[in-house]
Amino acid sequence: MNRTTVALAAAFGAVVLGLAVLLVSEAVGASESFVVVGGVVALAGVGVLTGVVMRLPAPGEGEHGGDHA
């Protein structure tokens, strides 16, 4: 696995974990701090995911180069 795959997996895991904490804590009536923590984790995961996707090469810039029309 390369670094991009690991970063994408970690970011996606953070989004899923944050949303799970957010939804479960809201459903069971936990304190607002749990809801906030879940939201912050989910937003951080989205931020990392956005950064990783921005660093990916454009589809036309692959190993073979050029546009295959």
Protein backbone atom coordinates (compact mmCIF):
# COMPACT_ATOMS: atom_id res chain seq x y z
CA MET A 1 0.00 0.00 0.00
CA ASN A 2 1.21 3.46 -0.76
CA ARG A 3 0.81 6.55 1.38
CA THR A 4 -2.23 7.80 -0.53
CA THR A 5 -4.16 4.60 0.11
CA VAL A 6 -3.37 4.72 3.82
CA ALA A 7 -4.35 8.39 4.04
CA LEU A 8 -7.62 7.76 2.19
CA ALA A 9 -8.46 4.80 4.44
CA ALA A 10 -7.65 6.78 7.60
CA ALA A 11 -9.69 9.78 6.48
CA PHE A 12 -12.67 7.63 5.52
CA GLY A 13 -12.42 5.82 8.86
CA ALA A 14 -12.40 9.14 10.71
CA VAL A 15 -15.51 10.28 8.85
CA VAL A 16 -17.35 7.04 9.61
CA LEU A 17 -16.24 7.01 13.26
CA GLY A 18 -17.15 10.67 13.75
CA LEU A 19 -20.58 10.21 12.22
CA ALA A 20 -21.21 7.10 14.31
CA VAL A 21 -20.27 8.92 17.53
CA LEU A 22 -22.34 11.91 16.49
CA LEU A 23 -25.46 9.90 15.67
CA VAL A 24 -25.28 7.48 18.61
CA SER A 25 -24.62 10.20 21.17
CA GLU A 26 -27.51 12.23 19.81
CA ALA A 27 -29.83 9.20 19.81
CA VAL A 28 -29.10 8.18 23.40
CA GLY A 29 -29.20 11.74 24.69
CA ALA A 30 -25.55 11.96 25.71
CA SER A 31 -24.06 15.25 26.74
CA GLU A 32 -23.40 17.87 24.09
CA SER A 33 -19.66 17.35 24.39
CA PHE A 34 -19.94 13.87 22.81
CA VAL A 35 -21.97 15.33 19.95
CA VAL A 36 -19.37 18.04 19.43
CA VAL A 37 -16.49 15.54 19.51
CA GLY A 38 -18.21 13.36 16.92
CA GLY A 39 -18.80 16.35 14.68
CA VAL A 40 -15.22 17.56 14.99
CA VAL A 41 -13.82 14.10 14.17
CA ALA A 42 -16.10 13.81 11.13
CA LEU A 43 -15.15 17.29 9.89
CA ALA A 44 -11.45 16.60 10.38
CA GLY A 45 -11.83 13.41 8.35
CA VAL A 46 -13.55 15.35 5.56
CA GLY A 47 -10.74 17.90 5.60
CA VAL A 48 -8.04 15.24 5.35
CA LEU A 49 -10.00 13.44 2.64
CA THR A 50 -10.26 16.68 0.66
CA GLY A 51 -6.54 17.29 0.99
CA VAL A 52 -5.66 13.79 -0.18
CA VAL A 53 -7.98 13.99 -3.18
CA MET A 54 -6.54 17.38 -4.16
CA ARG A 55 -3.05 15.86 -4.29
CA LEU A 56 -4.07 13.04 -6.64
CA PRO A 57 -2.89 13.48 -10.23
CA ALA A 58 -5.44 14.49 -12.84
CA PRO A 59 -6.84 11.60 -14.87
CA GLY A 60 -4.90 12.67 -17.97
CA GLU A 61 -1.58 12.79 -16.11
CA GLY A 62 -1.11 9.05 -15.57
CA GLU A 63 1.97 6.93 -16.27
CA HIS A 64 1.20 6.76 -19.96
CA GLY A 65 0.72 10.51 -20.29
CA GLY A 66 -1.37 12.30 -22.83
CA ASP A 67 -5.00 11.97 -23.69
CA HIS A 68 -6.20 8.74 -25.28
CA ALA A 69 -9.12 9.79 -27.41
